[in-house]
Every structure is written in C-alpha cells, then in structure tokens.
C-alpha cells in the first residue's frame, strides 16, 4: 500500500469588506500574485481561485458587508523564500496599502515577513520560514 498523497487541507476563505469598490483593486493585485489566478465571480462575491478545477481549487472570496468591522485576526500566506516575500511586498506597496517590513521577525530562525492590511482593515502577512 502506498502512502497517502500529500494534500493541501485549505479549502477557501470567505472575507467581508466594507466596500467592494475600494477593496477590489487591492485583491486584483494581491491574489493573482499569490497564485489565485482564476476568477469565478457570482452575485455579490468576487472569487479568486487556484488553477485546479473545482472542487479541488482553493479559493479566496470577497464580498461587501455593511456590518463589517476589522478585528485582530490575520491571514498569513507562506512564501517559498525571502525573495518571494520581497516581491509580494512590492505588489502590495503598489496598491497604496501601508506595509510593515519586510523584516526579520523573532518567531524562529530566519523568519522573514511583511505585514499589511486591505482598504477595509483586514490584516495579512506574507512570510518565509526556512526548514529546521
């Protein structure tokens, strides 16, 4: 019997923003740079998916919510190396979003990250952590 195939347990994120018009340019820059290159918009949702066909595709969906308020949650994206963190920081910076970093962080040897928020206040991180 062969070992089970490695799989990504991530399915999707459904994210609310106070204004889809303000948020969409940010997500149209960030999400394709992270590999969410397919669009499956429907109704009030703007959906960015990976290249796998549904239902295996991971996706990131954004919709407007009048009740949205930012909080302390943060979504972190893994980067393959420090150069990818730098590249993602440039993509985010070009949207006008404020950044913290890229910089070395004390979460483990070689942990390197950039922190940023979307126009509605949702918090994100792109990070690289070398193998132990």
C-alpha atoms as a PDB file:
ATOM      1  CA  UNK A   1       0.000   0.000   0.000  1.00  0.00           C
ATOM      2  CA  UNK A   2       1.455   3.358  -0.988  1.00  0.00           C
ATOM      3  CA  UNK A   3       1.494   6.299   1.439  1.00  0.00           C
ATOM      4  CA  UNK A   4      -1.340   8.806   1.059  1.00  0.00           C
ATOM      5  CA  UNK A   5      -0.665  11.665  -1.321  1.00  0.00           C
ATOM      6  CA  UNK A   6       0.203  14.966   0.288  1.00  0.00           C
ATOM      7  CA  UNK A   7      -2.675  17.381   0.106  1.00  0.00           C
ATOM      8  CA  UNK A   8      -3.388  20.944   0.987  1.00  0.00           C
ATOM      9  CA  UNK A   9      -6.140  20.988   3.642  1.00  0.00           C
ATOM     10  CA  UNK A  10      -7.002  24.604   2.810  1.00  0.00           C
ATOM     11  CA  UNK A  11     -10.338  24.994   1.032  1.00  0.00           C
ATOM     12  CA  UNK A  12     -11.347  28.622   0.960  1.00  0.00           C
ATOM     13  CA  UNK A  13     -11.625  31.949   2.765  1.00  0.00           C
ATOM     14  CA  UNK A  14     -14.851  33.979   2.642  1.00  0.00           C
ATOM     15  CA  UNK A  15     -13.857  37.534   3.522  1.00  0.00           C
ATOM     16  CA  UNK A  16     -16.030  40.569   4.172  1.00  0.00           C
ATOM     17  CA  UNK A  17     -15.065  44.158   3.374  1.00  0.00           C
ATOM     18  CA  UNK A  18     -16.958  47.417   3.965  1.00  0.00           C
ATOM     19  CA  UNK A  19     -16.645  48.478   0.302  1.00  0.00           C
ATOM     20  CA  UNK A  20     -16.069  46.076  -2.587  1.00  0.00           C
ATOM     21  CA  UNK A  21     -15.284  49.047  -4.852  1.00  0.00           C
ATOM     22  CA  UNK A  22     -12.454  50.153  -2.555  1.00  0.00           C
ATOM     23  CA  UNK A  23     -11.167  46.624  -1.899  1.00  0.00           C
ATOM     24  CA  UNK A  24     -11.281  45.089  -5.373  1.00  0.00           C
ATOM     25  CA  UNK A  25      -8.173  46.808  -6.844  1.00  0.00           C
ATOM     26  CA  UNK A  26      -6.179  45.603  -3.812  1.00  0.00           C
ATOM     27  CA  UNK A  27      -7.344  41.992  -4.235  1.00  0.00           C
ATOM     28  CA  UNK A  28      -6.961  42.059  -8.023  1.00  0.00           C
ATOM     29  CA  UNK A  29      -3.270  42.847  -7.440  1.00  0.00           C
ATOM     30  CA  UNK A  30      -2.560  40.635  -4.404  1.00  0.00           C
ATOM     31  CA  UNK A  31      -4.423  37.397  -5.065  1.00  0.00           C
ATOM     32  CA  UNK A  32      -3.069  36.617  -8.559  1.00  0.00           C
ATOM     33  CA  UNK A  33       0.437  37.287  -7.191  1.00  0.00           C
ATOM     34  CA  UNK A  34      -0.279  34.558  -4.614  1.00  0.00           C
ATOM     35  CA  UNK A  35      -1.453  32.046  -7.249  1.00  0.00           C
ATOM     36  CA  UNK A  36      -5.212  32.738  -7.156  1.00  0.00           C
ATOM     37  CA  UNK A  37      -5.330  33.341 -10.901  1.00  0.00           C
ATOM     38  CA  UNK A  38      -8.825  32.172 -11.891  1.00  0.00           C
ATOM     39  CA  UNK A  39     -11.989  34.229 -11.389  1.00  0.00           C
ATOM     40  CA  UNK A  40     -15.391  32.759 -10.600  1.00  0.00           C
ATOM     41  CA  UNK A  41     -17.464  35.816  -9.651  1.00  0.00           C
ATOM     42  CA  UNK A  42     -21.115  35.335  -8.871  1.00  0.00           C
ATOM     43  CA  UNK A  43     -23.735  37.552  -7.333  1.00  0.00           C
ATOM     44  CA  UNK A  44     -22.151  39.741  -4.688  1.00  0.00           C
ATOM     45  CA  UNK A  45     -18.991  37.589  -4.444  1.00  0.00           C
ATOM     46  CA  UNK A  46     -15.640  38.170  -6.176  1.00  0.00           C
ATOM     47  CA  UNK A  47     -13.873  34.794  -6.195  1.00  0.00           C
ATOM     48  CA  UNK A  48     -10.174  34.230  -6.906  1.00  0.00           C
ATOM     49  CA  UNK A  49      -9.174  30.558  -7.258  1.00  0.00           C
ATOM     50  CA  UNK A  50      -6.071  28.480  -7.831  1.00  0.00           C
ATOM     51  CA  UNK A  51      -5.582  26.620 -11.126  1.00  0.00           C
ATOM     52  CA  UNK A  52      -7.035  23.283 -10.034  1.00  0.00           C
ATOM     53  CA  UNK A  53     -10.561  22.648 -11.291  1.00  0.00           C
ATOM     54  CA  UNK A  54     -13.392  22.925  -8.755  1.00  0.00           C
ATOM     55  CA  UNK A  55     -13.925  21.453  -6.255  1.00  0.00           C
ATOM     56  CA  UNK A  56     -10.181  20.887  -5.646  1.00  0.00           C
ATOM     57  CA  UNK A  57      -9.270  24.543  -6.223  1.00  0.00           C
ATOM     58  CA  UNK A  58      -8.518  26.617  -3.168  1.00  0.00           C
ATOM     59  CA  UNK A  59     -10.205  29.965  -3.361  1.00  0.00           C
ATOM     60  CA  UNK A  60     -10.422  33.351  -1.732  1.00  0.00           C
ATOM     61  CA  UNK A  61     -13.828  35.044  -1.949  1.00  0.00           C
ATOM     62  CA  UNK A  62     -14.573  38.683  -1.115  1.00  0.00           C
ATOM     63  CA  UNK A  63     -17.957  40.315  -0.586  1.00  0.00           C
ATOM     64  CA  UNK A  64     -19.269  43.592   0.754  1.00  0.00           C
ATOM     65  CA  UNK A  65     -20.883  43.684   4.188  1.00  0.00           C
ATOM     66  CA  UNK A  66     -22.402  46.782   5.767  1.00  0.00           C
ATOM     67  CA  UNK A  67     -21.835  45.180   9.198  1.00  0.00           C
ATOM     68  CA  UNK A  68     -18.107  44.563   8.651  1.00  0.00           C
ATOM     69  CA  UNK A  69     -15.686  45.796  11.289  1.00  0.00           C
ATOM     70  CA  UNK A  70     -11.972  44.964  11.223  1.00  0.00           C
ATOM     71  CA  UNK A  71     -10.617  42.878  14.081  1.00  0.00           C
ATOM     72  CA  UNK A  72      -7.359  41.371  15.298  1.00  0.00           C
ATOM     73  CA  UNK A  73      -7.448  38.295  13.022  1.00  0.00           C
ATOM     74  CA  UNK A  74      -4.692  37.937  10.453  1.00  0.00           C
ATOM     75  CA  UNK A  75      -4.399  35.691   7.413  1.00  0.00           C
ATOM     76  CA  UNK A  76      -0.830  34.610   6.661  1.00  0.00           C
ATOM     77  CA  UNK A  77       0.461  33.457   3.269  1.00  0.00           C
ATOM     78  CA  UNK A  78       3.515  31.207   3.030  1.00  0.00           C
ATOM     79  CA  UNK A  79       6.325  32.251   0.688  1.00  0.00           C
ATOM     80  CA  UNK A  80       8.915  29.894  -0.795  1.00  0.00           C
ATOM     81  CA  UNK A  81      11.839  32.229   0.014  1.00  0.00           C
ATOM     82  CA  UNK A  82      12.775  35.744   1.119  1.00  0.00           C
ATOM     83  CA  UNK A  83      12.702  36.984  -2.467  1.00  0.00           C
ATOM     84  CA  UNK A  84       9.035  35.997  -2.734  1.00  0.00           C
ATOM     85  CA  UNK A  85       8.240  37.963   0.437  1.00  0.00           C
ATOM     86  CA  UNK A  86      10.008  40.963  -1.123  1.00  0.00           C
ATOM     87  CA  UNK A  87       8.060  40.504  -4.388  1.00  0.00           C
ATOM     88  CA  UNK A  88       4.738  40.331  -2.556  1.00  0.00           C
ATOM     89  CA  UNK A  89       5.662  43.437  -0.555  1.00  0.00           C
ATOM     90  CA  UNK A  90       6.227  45.286  -3.840  1.00  0.00           C
ATOM     91  CA  UNK A  91       2.833  44.132  -5.173  1.00  0.00           C
ATOM     92  CA  UNK A  92       1.069  45.303  -2.016  1.00  0.00           C
ATOM     93  CA  UNK A  93       3.008  48.557  -1.873  1.00  0.00           C
ATOM     94  CA  UNK A  94       1.905  49.368  -5.434  1.00  0.00           C
ATOM     95  CA  UNK A  95      -1.742  49.220  -4.246  1.00  0.00           C
ATOM     96  CA  UNK A  96      -1.045  52.002  -1.739  1.00  0.00           C
ATOM     97  CA  UNK A  97      -1.584  49.751   1.269  1.00  0.00           C
ATOM     98  CA  UNK A  98       0.669  50.502   4.254  1.00  0.00           C
ATOM     99  CA  UNK A  99       3.348  47.903   4.997  1.00  0.00           C
ATOM    100  CA  UNK A 100       5.378  46.847   7.975  1.00  0.00           C
ATOM    101  CA  UNK A 101       8.520  45.175   6.680  1.00  0.00           C
ATOM    102  CA  UNK A 102       9.690  43.065   5.040  1.00  0.00           C
ATOM    103  CA  UNK A 103      11.783  42.334   8.079  1.00  0.00           C
ATOM    104  CA  UNK A 104      13.270  39.555  10.158  1.00  0.00           C
ATOM    105  CA  UNK A 105      10.985  38.502  12.988  1.00  0.00           C
ATOM    106  CA  UNK A 106      11.725  36.691  16.278  1.00  0.00           C
ATOM    107  CA  UNK A 107       9.321  33.776  15.626  1.00  0.00           C
ATOM    108  CA  UNK A 108      12.124  31.374  14.751  1.00  0.00           C
ATOM    109  CA  UNK A 109      15.466  31.320  12.957  1.00  0.00           C
ATOM    110  CA  UNK A 110      15.197  33.005   9.557  1.00  0.00           C
ATOM    111  CA  UNK A 111      11.515  34.025   9.920  1.00  0.00           C
ATOM    112  CA  UNK A 112      11.064  36.892   7.437  1.00  0.00           C
ATOM    113  CA  UNK A 113       7.743  38.648   6.909  1.00  0.00           C
ATOM    114  CA  UNK A 114       5.784  41.611   5.621  1.00  0.00           C
ATOM    115  CA  UNK A 115       2.549  42.749   7.277  1.00  0.00           C
ATOM    116  CA  UNK A 116      -0.220  44.750   5.607  1.00  0.00           C
ATOM    117  CA  UNK A 117      -3.962  45.472   5.576  1.00  0.00           C
ATOM    118  CA  UNK A 118      -6.592  45.750   2.869  1.00  0.00           C
ATOM    119  CA  UNK A 119      -8.505  49.049   2.464  1.00  0.00           C
ATOM    120  CA  UNK A 120     -11.167  47.821   4.923  1.00  0.00           C
ATOM    121  CA  UNK A 121      -8.733  46.843   7.677  1.00  0.00           C
ATOM    122  CA  UNK A 122      -8.398  43.071   7.170  1.00  0.00           C
ATOM    123  CA  UNK A 123      -4.880  42.120   8.269  1.00  0.00           C
ATOM    124  CA  UNK A 124      -2.435  39.927   6.338  1.00  0.00           C
ATOM    125  CA  UNK A 125       1.105  38.603   6.436  1.00  0.00           C
ATOM    126  CA  UNK A 126       3.379  37.042   3.831  1.00  0.00           C
ATOM    127  CA  UNK A 127       6.214  35.110   5.420  1.00  0.00           C
ATOM    128  CA  UNK A 128       9.133  32.805   4.788  1.00  0.00           C
ATOM    129  CA  UNK A 129      10.363  30.336   7.383  1.00  0.00           C
ATOM    130  CA  UNK A 130      13.332  28.161   6.404  1.00  0.00           C
ATOM    131  CA  UNK A 131      13.295  24.429   7.113  1.00  0.00           C
ATOM    132  CA  UNK A 132      14.508  23.493  10.573  1.00  0.00           C
END
